[in-house]
N, C-alpha and C. Protein backbone atom coordinates (compact mmCIF):
# COMPACT_ATOMS: atom_id res chain seq x y z
N UNK A 1 85.51 103.28 93.27
CA UNK A 1 85.83 102.73 94.31
C UNK A 1 87.11 102.40 94.11
N UNK A 2 88.22 102.59 95.22
CA UNK A 2 89.33 102.63 95.42
C UNK A 2 89.91 101.17 95.86
N UNK A 3 90.68 100.61 94.65
CA UNK A 3 91.14 99.27 95.47
C UNK A 3 93.21 99.33 96.38
N UNK A 4 92.70 98.86 97.27
CA UNK A 4 93.85 98.82 97.93
C UNK A 4 95.13 97.57 97.40
N UNK A 5 94.24 96.48 97.60
CA UNK A 5 95.28 95.67 96.93
C UNK A 5 94.62 94.71 96.13
N UNK A 6 95.11 93.22 95.31
CA UNK A 6 94.69 92.46 94.40
C UNK A 6 95.61 91.27 94.79
N UNK A 7 94.14 90.27 94.34
CA UNK A 7 95.16 89.09 94.54
C UNK A 7 94.31 88.38 93.52
N UNK A 8 95.20 87.82 92.82
CA UNK A 8 95.04 86.78 91.75
C UNK A 8 95.22 85.00 92.16
N UNK A 9 93.57 84.72 92.41
CA UNK A 9 92.88 83.71 92.49
C UNK A 9 92.87 82.69 91.59
N UNK A 10 92.71 83.27 90.39
CA UNK A 10 92.47 82.28 89.19
C UNK A 10 93.33 81.02 88.85
N UNK A 11 92.55 79.93 88.73
CA UNK A 11 92.94 78.79 88.57
C UNK A 11 93.25 78.04 89.83
N UNK A 12 92.64 78.20 91.04
CA UNK A 12 92.58 77.64 92.17
C UNK A 12 91.12 77.35 92.24
N UNK A 13 90.78 76.21 92.96
CA UNK A 13 89.53 75.81 93.79
C UNK A 13 89.62 75.77 95.06
N UNK A 14 88.27 75.97 95.41
CA UNK A 14 88.12 75.79 97.10
C UNK A 14 88.68 75.06 97.55
N UNK A 15 89.39 75.51 98.71
CA UNK A 15 89.05 76.66 100.02
C UNK A 15 90.36 77.42 99.45
N UNK A 16 91.09 77.34 98.40
CA UNK A 16 92.35 78.40 98.34
C UNK A 16 91.96 79.64 97.92
N UNK A 17 90.93 80.07 97.32
CA UNK A 17 90.36 81.68 96.98
C UNK A 17 90.53 82.49 98.54
N UNK A 18 89.59 81.24 99.19
CA UNK A 18 88.97 82.39 100.49
C UNK A 18 90.15 82.42 101.35
N UNK A 19 91.38 80.94 101.39
CA UNK A 19 92.03 81.11 102.21
C UNK A 19 93.10 82.10 102.25
N UNK A 20 93.24 82.09 100.97
CA UNK A 20 94.21 83.59 100.37
C UNK A 20 93.92 84.86 100.56
N UNK A 21 92.17 84.77 100.29
CA UNK A 21 91.96 86.43 100.73
C UNK A 21 91.69 86.52 102.46
N UNK A 22 91.56 85.51 103.02
CA UNK A 22 91.60 85.37 104.85
C UNK A 22 93.15 86.24 104.87
N UNK A 23 94.23 85.46 104.24
CA UNK A 23 95.60 86.55 104.60
C UNK A 23 95.59 87.79 104.27
N UNK A 24 95.49 87.53 103.25
CA UNK A 24 95.29 89.52 102.52
C UNK A 24 94.67 90.38 103.18
N UNK A 25 93.39 89.92 103.85
CA UNK A 25 92.58 90.92 104.48
C UNK A 25 93.18 90.93 105.89
N UNK A 26 94.01 90.38 106.32
CA UNK A 26 94.76 90.75 107.57
C UNK A 26 95.79 91.11 107.77
N UNK A 27 96.48 91.73 106.65
CA UNK A 27 97.53 92.54 106.12
C UNK A 27 96.91 93.78 105.92
N UNK A 28 95.58 94.30 106.03
CA UNK A 28 95.15 95.25 105.37
C UNK A 28 94.29 95.94 106.64
N UNK A 29 94.11 97.23 106.39
CA UNK A 29 93.65 98.40 107.42
C UNK A 29 91.93 97.94 107.19
N UNK A 30 91.37 98.70 108.38
CA UNK A 30 89.78 98.15 108.61
C UNK A 30 89.49 99.70 107.09
N UNK A 31 88.65 99.59 106.39
CA UNK A 31 88.13 100.22 105.73
C UNK A 31 88.61 99.65 104.10
N UNK A 32 89.46 99.04 104.03
CA UNK A 32 90.58 98.71 102.57
C UNK A 32 89.72 98.15 101.90
N UNK A 33 90.03 97.87 100.73
CA UNK A 33 89.33 97.15 99.36
C UNK A 33 90.26 96.04 99.18
N UNK A 34 89.81 94.92 98.97
CA UNK A 34 90.57 93.85 98.27
C UNK A 34 89.70 93.25 97.17
N UNK A 35 90.56 93.12 95.98
CA UNK A 35 89.82 92.83 94.83
C UNK A 35 90.59 91.30 94.62
N UNK A 36 89.55 90.89 94.61
CA UNK A 36 90.22 89.10 94.37
C UNK A 36 89.62 88.57 92.82
N UNK A 37 90.24 87.77 91.67
CA UNK A 37 90.10 87.46 90.81
C UNK A 37 89.94 85.78 91.03
N UNK A 38 89.34 85.10 90.41
CA UNK A 38 88.64 83.90 90.59
C UNK A 38 88.33 83.28 89.36
N UNK A 39 88.67 82.02 89.24
CA UNK A 39 88.10 81.29 88.00
C UNK A 39 86.98 80.11 88.32
N UNK A 40 86.97 79.88 89.46
CA UNK A 40 86.13 78.75 90.06
C UNK A 40 84.52 79.23 90.65
N UNK A 41 83.74 78.74 89.88
CA UNK A 41 82.26 79.07 89.93
C UNK A 41 81.89 79.10 91.27
N UNK A 42 82.10 78.55 92.60
CA UNK A 42 81.82 77.78 93.63
C UNK A 42 82.23 79.18 94.41
N UNK A 43 83.28 80.60 94.30
CA UNK A 43 83.49 81.11 94.57
C UNK A 43 82.35 82.15 94.89
N UNK A 44 81.48 82.25 94.09
CA UNK A 44 80.71 83.39 94.17
C UNK A 44 79.77 83.40 95.92
N UNK A 45 79.60 81.49 95.98
CA UNK A 45 78.88 81.73 96.60
C UNK A 45 79.65 81.29 98.13
N UNK A 46 81.06 80.99 97.62
CA UNK A 46 82.05 81.15 99.17
C UNK A 46 82.14 82.71 99.60
N UNK A 47 82.29 83.48 98.70
CA UNK A 47 82.66 84.81 99.16
C UNK A 47 81.53 85.56 99.69
N UNK A 48 80.40 85.39 98.89
CA UNK A 48 79.39 85.36 100.15
C UNK A 48 78.69 84.73 101.31
N UNK A 49 79.47 83.45 101.94
CA UNK A 49 79.42 83.03 103.24
C UNK A 49 80.32 83.37 103.89
N UNK A 50 81.77 83.86 103.72
CA UNK A 50 82.95 84.28 103.86
C UNK A 50 82.44 85.54 104.35
N UNK A 51 82.10 86.65 103.99
CA UNK A 51 81.58 87.93 104.24
C UNK A 51 80.61 87.66 105.49
N UNK A 52 79.60 87.02 105.39
CA UNK A 52 78.75 86.81 106.37
C UNK A 52 79.16 86.39 107.81
N UNK A 53 80.00 85.41 107.31
CA UNK A 53 80.71 84.51 108.49
C UNK A 53 81.84 85.88 109.47
N UNK A 54 82.53 86.77 108.76
CA UNK A 54 83.88 86.84 109.12
C UNK A 54 83.48 88.78 109.04
N UNK A 55 82.09 89.08 108.63
CA UNK A 55 82.00 90.77 108.94
C UNK A 55 82.35 91.37 107.77
N UNK A 56 83.65 90.75 107.51
CA UNK A 56 83.91 91.96 105.97
C UNK A 56 82.74 92.44 104.90
N UNK A 57 82.93 93.36 104.59
CA UNK A 57 81.53 93.83 103.29
C UNK A 57 81.84 93.31 101.95
N UNK A 58 81.01 92.44 101.83
CA UNK A 58 81.18 92.29 100.37
C UNK A 58 80.72 93.28 99.08
N UNK A 59 81.33 94.04 98.44
CA UNK A 59 80.95 95.04 97.90
C UNK A 59 80.21 94.87 97.13
N UNK A 60 80.91 94.40 95.85
CA UNK A 60 80.25 93.69 94.55
C UNK A 60 81.16 92.49 94.26
N UNK A 61 80.24 91.76 93.13
CA UNK A 61 80.88 90.56 92.61
C UNK A 61 80.77 90.53 91.42
N UNK A 62 81.43 90.22 90.11
CA UNK A 62 81.32 90.70 88.92
C UNK A 62 81.36 89.23 88.06
N UNK A 63 80.96 89.30 87.07
CA UNK A 63 81.30 87.90 86.30
C UNK A 63 81.75 88.42 84.96
N UNK A 64 82.67 87.87 84.12
CA UNK A 64 82.68 88.15 82.91
C UNK A 64 83.35 86.80 82.02
N UNK A 65 83.40 87.15 80.86
CA UNK A 65 83.62 86.08 79.99
C UNK A 65 85.32 86.49 79.64
N UNK A 66 86.46 85.36 80.18
CA UNK A 66 87.38 85.58 79.54
C UNK A 66 88.06 84.80 79.09
N UNK A 67 87.79 84.50 77.50
CA UNK A 67 88.03 83.69 76.40
C UNK A 67 87.08 82.63 76.19
N UNK A 68 87.30 81.60 76.73
CA UNK A 68 86.18 80.33 77.33
C UNK A 68 85.33 80.24 78.14
N UNK A 69 86.79 81.28 79.28
CA UNK A 69 86.52 80.78 80.73
C UNK A 69 85.95 81.70 81.33
N UNK A 70 85.02 81.82 82.42
CA UNK A 70 84.36 83.02 83.13
C UNK A 70 85.26 83.10 84.42
N UNK A 71 85.10 84.39 84.32
CA UNK A 71 86.02 85.11 85.70
C UNK A 71 85.35 85.84 86.51
N UNK A 72 85.44 85.38 87.88
CA UNK A 72 84.54 86.08 88.76
C UNK A 72 85.71 87.20 89.72
N UNK A 73 85.11 88.52 89.95
CA UNK A 73 85.70 89.33 90.45
C UNK A 73 84.84 89.75 91.71
N UNK A 74 85.63 89.79 92.83
CA UNK A 74 85.21 89.94 94.30
C UNK A 74 85.55 90.81 95.06
N UNK A 75 84.88 91.98 95.61
CA UNK A 75 85.20 93.23 96.34
C UNK A 75 84.91 93.28 97.55
N UNK A 76 85.79 92.97 98.40
CA UNK A 76 85.57 92.86 99.60
C UNK A 76 86.64 93.96 100.65
N UNK A 77 85.03 94.61 101.62
CA UNK A 77 85.81 95.68 102.63
C UNK A 77 86.62 95.41 103.85
N UNK A 78 87.66 95.30 104.55
CA UNK A 78 88.16 94.73 105.44
C UNK A 78 87.12 95.62 106.62
N UNK A 79 86.73 94.90 107.60
CA UNK A 79 85.80 95.47 108.76
C UNK A 79 86.69 95.95 109.47
């Protein structure tokens, strides 16, 4: 998958990762993919809801352990 833009939202809590992703997507073209890195566990549900509400495609979500903290990666395709 080609990533067109990456957003680092690690350390931010709801609603900031969503707000920053919304702004980033507004500067992108249809079909482009945004990769969002987050540490907020609520971001998993938040990005699922965001995709449903906005019509953007949530292509994938991944969770990995980074040291002692979980890190969540979300891939959104601009509608």
